[in-house]
Amino acid sequence: MSDHQFAPESQMMSFGYKPELSEGAIKCPIFQTSTFAFKKAEDGKAFFEIAYGKRTQSEGEELGLIYSRLNNPNLQITENRLSLWDGSEDAAIFESGMGAISSMLFEFLKPGQAVLYSMPVYGGTDHLITKVLPNFNIQCVGVSPLDDKEAVMEKIEKSGLKDKISFIYLETPANPTNALVDISMFREIADELKTEENPIYVGVDNTYMGPIWQHPLQLGADLVIYSATKYIGGHSDLVAGACLGSAELIGRVKGMRTFMGNMAGPHTGWLLMRSLETLKLRMEKQAQNAEKVAEFLNSHPKVDKVYYLGNLTEADGRQYKIFKEQCGGNKGAMVAFDIKGGEKAAFRFLNSMKLIKLAVSLGSTESLAEHPATMTHSDVDEDIRQEIAITESLVRISVGVEDAKDIIWDIEQALTSI
């Protein structure tokens, strides 16, 4: 009986925490301190050797605490617990999702190289890849989720950057259209393009599916990224990001984090620790509600099209195949739809909501709605927005944990106002 393996949701309450080190407190306290005292000078030397990569941690050696820019109990325990969901060797928590994304890309890309990325991605990510990285002589090649392997390789060849690609960045499902990207296909592409001098890593933004509904590391990704503000935090009361993967790669990411100084603080780590305890419960309820919301929208006369994973059928070809194999049939809790009447009708709908909040972000307990074309994705080039279905008619809803009947009532009365 001693070899029983507890499920992640069971381990979220205590994993990595020793009450005897904190006066027996059943919950981990907030370690609101900037620095930590060493018992002796030799400890300080040993801790810094590991922190700066001068040697690896010995078997059974406790990782010592130094300074909260390097490590903090709240951060470390949260990273250990988050790793359980994706089955990763290690995790790094950041002060924002963009902090995680930028640290990862700057660690694995150098001037003169290029990143291959799927479109659409979150607006902030798009700005970083298409407008910031070029300032550091890092180019980009964008591809569509609908492109098969042959089409992707053709675009790479036409770009003239085939020999410069050093990182593949994917977001799946894509924000805000729920388009699915085939992670295993891009793993194959990375393996075909890589050389001994130029290993090509695959990073996947898994924010839309949280750590519950999809596991990119098991599908061939090297790194998985989250805006932990969203489902992981889940209460609209913190901003955070996360990057997970092998101990070697996360060690490199943490090294970049140390010197960029964008790790999360102890209070954020503590809040994330609290949220992880109810993560699965919240996400399951949100998914149940989203299914009912999508069913209502599918038959509404003022709605042209609904972008929801649960609407995919065999007629959708590769997208349906990816959904079944990659998402395990999990439908998520994000729903987007085109309203008849363009921007004017979309704004009228958004302005008429009574329960659902008009706000960006997603994955929280409350339902949120926004207009991607003029809000989260307004910085994406207009021709690309049209190409990837981010039109003036599109509204995105993050379905919360309220009573589904109330959410649908609010959507219905708002549509009636158009």
Protein backbone atom coordinates (compact mmCIF):
# COMPACT_ATOMS: atom_id res chain seq x y z
CA MET A 1 0.00 0.00 0.00
CA SER A 2 2.95 2.36 0.54
CA ASP A 3 3.60 2.77 -3.19
CA HIS A 4 0.22 4.41 -3.91
CA GLN A 5 0.51 7.35 -6.33
CA PHE A 6 -1.79 10.24 -5.44
CA ALA A 7 -3.46 12.17 -8.26
CA PRO A 8 -2.23 15.75 -8.84
CA GLU A 9 -5.46 17.24 -7.44
CA SER A 10 -4.82 15.36 -4.20
CA GLN A 11 -1.21 16.46 -3.98
CA MET A 12 -2.06 20.14 -4.49
CA MET A 13 -2.86 20.48 -0.78
CA SER A 14 0.54 19.52 0.61
CA PHE A 15 3.15 18.58 -2.00
CA GLY A 16 6.58 20.12 -1.36
CA TYR A 17 5.62 21.70 1.97
CA LYS A 18 6.80 20.60 5.43
CA PRO A 19 4.57 22.00 8.24
CA GLU A 20 7.25 21.27 10.85
CA LEU A 21 9.45 23.94 9.26
CA SER A 22 6.72 26.56 9.70
CA GLU A 23 5.49 26.12 13.29
CA GLY A 24 3.12 23.35 12.16
CA ALA A 25 1.01 25.68 9.99
CA ILE A 26 -1.26 23.48 7.84
CA LYS A 27 -0.97 25.96 4.96
CA CYS A 28 2.31 27.36 3.72
CA PRO A 29 2.82 30.90 5.11
CA ILE A 30 3.91 33.82 2.95
CA PHE A 31 7.68 34.18 3.14
CA GLN A 32 7.67 37.95 2.78
CA THR A 33 11.44 38.41 2.95
CA SER A 34 14.04 39.66 0.52
CA THR A 35 16.98 37.62 1.80
CA PHE A 36 17.71 34.48 3.81
CA ALA A 37 20.29 33.87 6.57
CA PHE A 38 22.92 31.17 6.06
CA LYS A 39 23.81 28.90 8.97
CA LYS A 40 27.48 29.11 8.03
CA ALA A 41 29.67 30.61 5.30
CA GLU A 42 30.20 27.20 3.71
CA ASP A 43 26.44 26.95 3.09
CA GLY A 44 26.42 30.30 1.32
CA LYS A 45 29.26 29.16 -0.93
CA ALA A 46 27.49 25.86 -1.73
CA PHE A 47 24.15 27.53 -2.47
CA PHE A 48 25.71 30.08 -4.84
CA GLU A 49 27.66 27.38 -6.68
CA ILE A 50 24.37 25.71 -7.60
CA ALA A 51 22.52 28.97 -8.26
CA TYR A 52 25.13 30.12 -10.79
CA GLY A 53 25.59 26.73 -12.42
CA LYS A 54 29.13 26.11 -11.21
CA ARG A 55 28.12 22.59 -10.20
CA THR A 56 25.05 20.39 -10.17
CA GLN A 57 23.05 19.60 -7.10
CA SER A 58 24.26 16.44 -5.36
CA GLU A 59 21.84 13.59 -4.70
CA GLY A 60 19.97 14.29 -1.47
CA GLU A 61 21.35 17.83 -1.22
CA GLU A 62 18.76 20.41 -0.15
CA LEU A 63 18.58 23.46 -2.41
CA GLY A 64 19.39 26.34 -0.08
CA LEU A 65 17.63 29.69 0.01
CA ILE A 66 19.64 32.78 -0.88
CA TYR A 67 17.64 35.80 -2.01
CA SER A 68 14.08 36.16 -3.28
CA ARG A 69 15.24 37.16 -6.77
CA LEU A 70 16.81 33.70 -6.98
CA ASN A 71 14.47 31.52 -4.93
CA ASN A 72 11.75 31.72 -2.31
CA PRO A 73 9.76 28.94 -0.57
CA ASN A 74 6.43 30.18 -1.95
CA LEU A 75 7.84 30.16 -5.48
CA GLN A 76 9.56 26.80 -5.20
CA ILE A 77 6.58 24.97 -3.71
CA THR A 78 4.27 26.42 -6.36
CA GLU A 79 6.67 25.41 -9.13
CA ASN A 80 6.87 21.87 -7.74
CA ARG A 81 3.08 21.54 -7.58
CA LEU A 82 2.51 23.02 -11.03
CA SER A 83 4.99 20.52 -12.48
CA LEU A 84 2.74 17.66 -11.35
CA TRP A 85 0.01 18.54 -13.83
CA ASP A 86 2.24 18.50 -16.92
CA GLY A 87 4.62 15.83 -15.67
CA SER A 88 7.58 18.17 -16.12
CA GLU A 89 10.92 17.93 -14.34
CA ASP A 90 10.87 21.59 -13.36
CA ALA A 91 8.95 24.84 -13.67
CA ALA A 92 9.71 28.55 -13.48
CA ILE A 93 7.14 31.10 -12.26
CA PHE A 94 7.24 34.66 -13.57
CA GLU A 95 5.58 37.96 -12.71
CA SER A 96 3.55 37.75 -15.96
CA GLY A 97 2.86 35.51 -18.93
CA MET A 98 4.81 37.87 -21.17
CA GLY A 99 7.69 37.65 -18.70
CA ALA A 100 7.73 33.88 -19.22
CA ILE A 101 7.46 34.15 -23.01
CA SER A 102 10.11 36.84 -23.41
CA SER A 103 12.57 35.14 -21.05
CA MET A 104 12.18 31.84 -22.88
CA LEU A 105 12.62 33.34 -26.35
CA PHE A 106 15.59 35.50 -25.38
CA GLU A 107 17.28 32.49 -23.80
CA PHE A 108 16.94 30.26 -26.86
CA LEU A 109 17.25 32.80 -29.71
CA LYS A 110 20.29 34.82 -30.73
CA PRO A 111 20.79 37.70 -33.21
CA GLY A 112 20.79 36.39 -36.77
CA GLN A 113 18.39 33.53 -35.97
CA ALA A 114 14.66 33.18 -36.65
CA VAL A 115 11.53 31.89 -34.92
CA LEU A 116 8.81 29.89 -36.68
CA TYR A 117 5.42 30.62 -35.10
CA SER A 118 1.76 29.74 -35.55
CA MET A 119 -0.86 32.43 -36.21
CA PRO A 120 -2.89 33.70 -34.48
CA VAL A 121 -1.21 34.08 -31.12
CA TYR A 122 -2.08 36.35 -28.21
CA GLY A 123 -1.68 40.00 -29.22
CA GLY A 124 1.18 40.67 -26.81
CA THR A 125 3.06 37.63 -28.13
CA ASP A 126 2.47 38.76 -31.70
CA HIS A 127 3.92 42.19 -30.90
CA LEU A 128 6.99 40.62 -29.26
CA ILE A 129 7.66 38.25 -32.17
CA THR A 130 6.89 40.58 -35.08
CA LYS A 131 7.95 43.98 -33.74
CA VAL A 132 10.36 43.58 -30.80
CA LEU A 133 12.52 40.61 -31.77
CA PRO A 134 13.42 42.12 -35.18
CA ASN A 135 15.10 44.97 -33.25
CA PHE A 136 17.54 42.30 -32.02
CA ASN A 137 18.02 40.93 -35.54
CA ILE A 138 15.74 37.95 -34.83
CA GLN A 139 13.36 37.33 -37.73
CA CYS A 140 10.06 35.42 -37.82
CA VAL A 141 8.08 33.15 -40.13
CA GLY A 142 4.33 32.85 -39.49
CA VAL A 143 2.25 29.83 -40.50
CA SER A 144 -1.43 28.95 -40.26
CA PRO A 145 -2.89 26.20 -38.05
CA LEU A 146 -4.55 24.92 -41.23
CA ASP A 147 -1.20 24.41 -42.98
CA ASP A 148 -0.12 20.80 -43.32
CA LYS A 149 3.53 19.80 -43.15
CA GLU A 150 4.09 20.35 -46.86
CA ALA A 151 2.61 23.86 -46.71
CA VAL A 152 4.71 24.78 -43.65
CA MET A 153 7.91 23.57 -45.31
CA GLU A 154 7.04 25.52 -48.45
CA LYS A 155 6.59 28.73 -46.43
CA ILE A 156 9.90 28.12 -44.67
CA GLU A 157 11.66 27.69 -48.02
CA LYS A 158 10.07 30.84 -49.47
CA SER A 159 11.06 32.88 -46.41
CA GLY A 160 14.76 32.32 -47.08
CA LEU A 161 15.22 31.71 -43.35
CA LYS A 162 15.29 27.91 -43.34
CA ASP A 163 18.85 27.69 -42.03
CA LYS A 164 18.24 30.37 -39.40
CA ILE A 165 15.18 28.90 -37.64
CA SER A 166 16.20 28.04 -34.09
CA PHE A 167 12.91 27.98 -32.19
CA ILE A 168 9.32 26.98 -32.95
CA TYR A 169 6.63 28.82 -31.00
CA LEU A 170 3.07 27.47 -31.06
CA GLU A 171 -0.16 28.54 -29.42
CA THR A 172 -2.87 25.92 -29.39
CA PRO A 173 -5.79 26.34 -29.20
CA ALA A 174 -5.14 29.74 -30.74
CA ASN A 175 -6.38 32.90 -29.07
CA PRO A 176 -9.12 33.91 -29.94
CA THR A 177 -10.32 31.52 -32.67
CA ASN A 178 -9.71 28.13 -31.00
CA ALA A 179 -7.78 26.99 -34.10
CA LEU A 180 -5.70 23.91 -33.30
CA VAL A 181 -2.01 23.48 -34.12
CA ASP A 182 -0.52 20.00 -34.58
CA ILE A 183 2.26 19.85 -31.98
CA SER A 184 3.61 16.48 -33.12
CA MET A 185 3.89 17.72 -36.72
CA PHE A 186 6.03 20.66 -35.63
CA ARG A 187 8.13 18.30 -33.53
CA GLU A 188 8.87 16.41 -36.76
CA ILE A 189 9.71 19.66 -38.54
CA ALA A 190 12.05 20.70 -35.73
CA ASP A 191 13.83 17.35 -35.85
CA GLU A 192 14.27 17.58 -39.62
CA LEU A 193 15.64 21.13 -39.52
CA LYS A 194 17.91 20.85 -36.48
CA THR A 195 21.65 20.31 -36.64
CA GLU A 196 24.22 19.43 -34.00
CA GLU A 197 25.19 23.10 -33.82
CA ASN A 198 21.60 24.36 -33.95
CA PRO A 199 19.12 22.39 -31.80
CA ILE A 200 15.58 23.58 -32.46
CA TYR A 201 13.28 23.67 -29.43
CA VAL A 202 9.49 23.66 -29.55
CA GLY A 203 7.60 25.85 -27.09
CA VAL A 204 3.81 25.73 -26.71
CA ASP A 205 1.51 28.29 -25.14
CA ASN A 206 -1.07 26.06 -23.43
CA THR A 207 -2.98 28.85 -21.67
CA TYR A 208 -6.32 28.11 -23.36
CA MET A 209 -6.32 24.52 -22.10
CA GLY A 210 -4.68 25.14 -18.75
CA PRO A 211 -2.62 22.25 -17.38
CA ILE A 212 -5.72 20.03 -17.18
CA TRP A 213 -7.05 19.52 -20.71
CA GLN A 214 -3.88 19.24 -22.82
CA HIS A 215 -0.25 18.24 -22.12
CA PRO A 216 2.15 19.53 -24.80
CA LEU A 217 5.25 17.97 -23.21
CA GLN A 218 3.73 14.54 -23.83
CA LEU A 219 3.08 15.48 -27.47
CA GLY A 220 6.63 16.42 -28.39
CA ALA A 221 7.06 19.95 -27.05
CA ASP A 222 10.24 20.85 -25.17
CA LEU A 223 8.67 23.69 -23.20
CA VAL A 224 5.14 24.65 -22.21
CA ILE A 225 4.10 28.21 -21.42
CA TYR A 226 1.18 29.57 -19.40
CA SER A 227 -0.23 32.91 -18.57
CA ALA A 228 -0.78 31.78 -14.98
CA THR A 229 -3.02 34.83 -14.58
CA LYS A 230 -5.69 32.81 -16.37
CA TYR A 231 -6.94 29.37 -15.30
CA ILE A 232 -4.05 28.62 -12.94
CA GLY A 233 -4.60 31.83 -10.93
CA GLY A 234 -8.26 31.81 -11.84
CA HIS A 235 -9.60 34.62 -9.66
CA SER A 236 -8.60 37.84 -11.50
CA ASP A 237 -6.51 38.89 -8.51
CA LEU A 238 -2.96 38.25 -9.72
CA VAL A 239 -0.71 38.48 -12.77
CA ALA A 240 1.79 35.66 -13.36
CA GLY A 241 3.35 33.38 -15.94
CA ALA A 242 4.98 29.96 -16.03
CA CYS A 243 7.38 27.93 -18.15
CA LEU A 244 7.78 24.17 -17.70
CA GLY A 245 10.06 21.51 -19.17
CA SER A 246 13.15 19.46 -18.49
CA ALA A 247 15.48 20.34 -15.62
CA GLU A 248 18.18 21.32 -18.12
CA LEU A 249 16.04 23.71 -20.18
CA ILE A 250 14.23 25.24 -17.21
CA GLY A 251 17.61 25.71 -15.57
CA ARG A 252 18.53 27.90 -18.52
CA VAL A 253 15.20 29.74 -18.36
CA LYS A 254 15.66 30.35 -14.63
CA GLY A 255 19.13 31.70 -15.33
CA MET A 256 17.67 34.27 -17.72
CA ARG A 257 14.92 35.00 -15.18
CA THR A 258 17.49 35.71 -12.47
CA PHE A 259 19.22 38.40 -14.49
CA MET A 260 16.07 39.89 -16.03
CA GLY A 261 14.60 40.01 -12.53
CA ASN A 262 11.06 39.07 -13.58
CA MET A 263 10.31 36.22 -11.19
CA ALA A 264 7.06 36.33 -9.23
CA GLY A 265 7.10 37.62 -5.66
CA PRO A 266 6.22 35.51 -2.60
CA HIS A 267 2.66 36.83 -2.36
CA THR A 268 1.95 35.93 -5.98
CA GLY A 269 3.46 32.49 -5.39
CA TRP A 270 1.24 32.03 -2.34
CA LEU A 271 -1.89 33.07 -4.26
CA LEU A 272 -1.06 30.63 -7.07
CA MET A 273 -0.54 27.88 -4.47
CA ARG A 274 -4.04 28.58 -3.14
CA SER A 275 -5.54 28.54 -6.64
CA LEU A 276 -3.94 25.23 -7.61
CA GLU A 277 -6.03 23.49 -4.94
CA THR A 278 -9.27 24.18 -6.83
CA LEU A 279 -7.91 24.28 -10.39
CA LYS A 280 -9.49 21.06 -11.65
CA LEU A 281 -12.84 21.77 -9.98
CA ARG A 282 -13.04 25.24 -11.52
CA MET A 283 -12.01 24.16 -14.99
CA GLU A 284 -14.45 21.25 -15.04
CA LYS A 285 -17.33 23.58 -14.13
CA GLN A 286 -16.26 26.14 -16.72
CA ALA A 287 -16.11 23.46 -19.41
CA GLN A 288 -19.62 22.26 -18.53
CA ASN A 289 -20.95 25.81 -18.75
CA ALA A 290 -19.15 26.52 -22.03
CA GLU A 291 -20.74 23.52 -23.68
CA LYS A 292 -24.21 24.86 -22.83
CA VAL A 293 -23.31 28.38 -23.97
CA ALA A 294 -22.01 27.10 -27.32
CA GLU A 295 -25.14 24.99 -27.82
CA PHE A 296 -27.28 28.10 -27.33
CA LEU A 297 -25.18 30.23 -29.68
CA ASN A 298 -25.12 27.58 -32.41
CA SER A 299 -28.80 28.05 -33.15
CA HIS A 300 -29.14 31.80 -32.56
CA PRO A 301 -30.27 33.74 -35.67
CA LYS A 302 -28.01 36.73 -34.91
CA VAL A 303 -24.85 34.59 -34.76
CA ASP A 304 -23.02 33.71 -37.99
CA LYS A 305 -20.38 31.31 -36.70
CA VAL A 306 -19.29 29.84 -33.36
CA TYR A 307 -15.63 29.03 -32.69
CA TYR A 308 -15.72 26.27 -30.08
CA LEU A 309 -13.74 23.03 -29.92
CA GLY A 310 -16.88 21.04 -29.20
CA ASN A 311 -18.29 22.05 -32.60
CA LEU A 312 -15.57 20.22 -34.52
CA THR A 313 -16.72 17.17 -36.48
CA GLU A 314 -15.15 14.73 -38.93
CA ALA A 315 -16.07 17.18 -41.69
CA ASP A 316 -13.40 19.51 -40.29
CA GLY A 317 -10.67 17.07 -41.31
CA ARG A 318 -7.27 17.68 -39.71
CA GLN A 319 -8.68 20.05 -37.08
CA TYR A 320 -11.00 17.33 -35.80
CA LYS A 321 -8.19 14.75 -35.87
CA ILE A 322 -5.94 17.06 -33.83
CA PHE A 323 -8.79 17.73 -31.40
CA LYS A 324 -9.34 14.04 -30.72
CA GLU A 325 -5.67 13.06 -30.49
CA GLN A 326 -4.15 16.16 -28.91
CA CYS A 327 -6.90 17.48 -26.65
CA GLY A 328 -8.28 14.08 -25.75
CA GLY A 329 -11.75 15.35 -26.60
CA ASN A 330 -11.56 18.12 -23.99
CA LYS A 331 -13.54 21.08 -25.31
CA GLY A 332 -12.17 23.86 -23.12
CA ALA A 333 -14.16 26.82 -21.81
CA MET A 334 -13.43 29.49 -24.43
CA VAL A 335 -16.13 30.41 -26.94
CA ALA A 336 -15.88 32.99 -29.71
CA PHE A 337 -18.54 33.90 -32.24
CA ASP A 338 -19.26 36.22 -35.16
CA ILE A 339 -22.24 38.51 -34.61
CA LYS A 340 -24.26 39.62 -37.61
CA GLY A 341 -23.86 43.38 -38.03
CA GLY A 342 -20.12 43.88 -37.62
CA GLU A 343 -18.42 46.08 -35.04
CA LYS A 344 -21.53 48.16 -34.30
CA ALA A 345 -23.56 45.08 -33.39
CA ALA A 346 -20.66 43.55 -31.45
CA PHE A 347 -20.26 46.71 -29.37
CA ARG A 348 -24.01 46.91 -28.75
CA PHE A 349 -23.92 43.32 -27.51
CA LEU A 350 -20.95 43.97 -25.22
CA ASN A 351 -22.43 47.18 -23.84
CA SER A 352 -25.71 45.41 -23.02
CA MET A 353 -24.31 42.64 -20.81
CA LYS A 354 -25.46 42.63 -17.20
CA LEU A 355 -23.76 39.58 -15.64
CA ILE A 356 -20.78 38.97 -17.93
CA LYS A 357 -18.00 41.52 -17.43
CA LEU A 358 -16.63 43.50 -20.37
CA ALA A 359 -12.91 42.93 -19.78
CA VAL A 360 -9.87 41.25 -21.30
CA SER A 361 -8.19 38.21 -19.74
CA LEU A 362 -9.75 34.77 -19.43
CA GLY A 363 -9.96 31.64 -17.29
CA SER A 364 -11.29 33.31 -14.16
CA THR A 365 -14.27 32.36 -12.03
CA GLU A 366 -16.35 35.17 -13.54
CA SER A 367 -17.38 35.19 -17.21
CA LEU A 368 -15.61 37.79 -19.33
CA ALA A 369 -16.24 39.08 -22.86
CA GLU A 370 -14.19 41.28 -25.18
CA HIS A 371 -13.74 42.38 -28.81
CA PRO A 372 -10.39 40.95 -30.01
CA ALA A 373 -10.04 43.07 -33.18
CA THR A 374 -10.07 46.35 -31.23
CA MET A 375 -8.75 45.10 -27.89
CA THR A 376 -6.39 42.16 -27.28
CA HIS A 377 -5.40 41.76 -30.95
CA SER A 378 -5.66 45.37 -32.13
CA ASP A 379 -1.89 45.56 -32.70
CA VAL A 380 -1.91 42.61 -35.12
CA ASP A 381 -1.57 43.80 -38.73
CA GLU A 382 -5.03 44.20 -40.25
CA ASP A 383 -4.38 41.97 -43.27
CA ILE A 384 -3.23 39.18 -40.95
CA ARG A 385 -6.30 39.68 -38.72
CA GLN A 386 -8.54 39.15 -41.73
CA GLU A 387 -6.55 36.09 -42.79
CA ILE A 388 -6.91 34.44 -39.38
CA ALA A 389 -10.61 35.30 -38.85
CA ILE A 390 -10.19 38.07 -36.26
CA THR A 391 -12.87 40.27 -37.79
CA GLU A 392 -14.86 43.23 -36.49
CA SER A 393 -17.76 40.81 -35.90
CA LEU A 394 -15.85 38.53 -33.55
CA VAL A 395 -16.62 38.46 -29.82
CA ARG A 396 -14.70 36.27 -27.37
CA ILE A 397 -16.21 34.90 -24.16
CA SER A 398 -14.34 33.24 -21.33
CA VAL A 399 -17.01 31.19 -19.58
CA GLY A 400 -16.93 31.28 -15.79
CA VAL A 401 -18.39 29.20 -12.97
CA GLU A 402 -21.70 31.03 -12.59
CA ASP A 403 -24.97 29.17 -13.14
CA ALA A 404 -25.08 28.33 -16.85
CA LYS A 405 -28.71 29.45 -17.09
CA ASP A 406 -27.73 32.93 -15.92
CA ILE A 407 -24.85 33.20 -18.38
CA ILE A 408 -27.12 32.18 -21.26
CA TRP A 409 -29.85 34.58 -20.11
CA ASP A 410 -27.34 37.42 -20.20
CA ILE A 411 -26.10 36.50 -23.68
CA GLU A 412 -29.66 36.18 -24.95
CA GLN A 413 -30.82 39.56 -23.62
CA ALA A 414 -27.65 41.23 -24.99
CA LEU A 415 -28.23 39.71 -28.43
CA THR A 416 -31.84 40.89 -28.31
CA SER A 417 -30.60 44.46 -27.89
CA ILE A 418 -28.96 44.43 -31.33
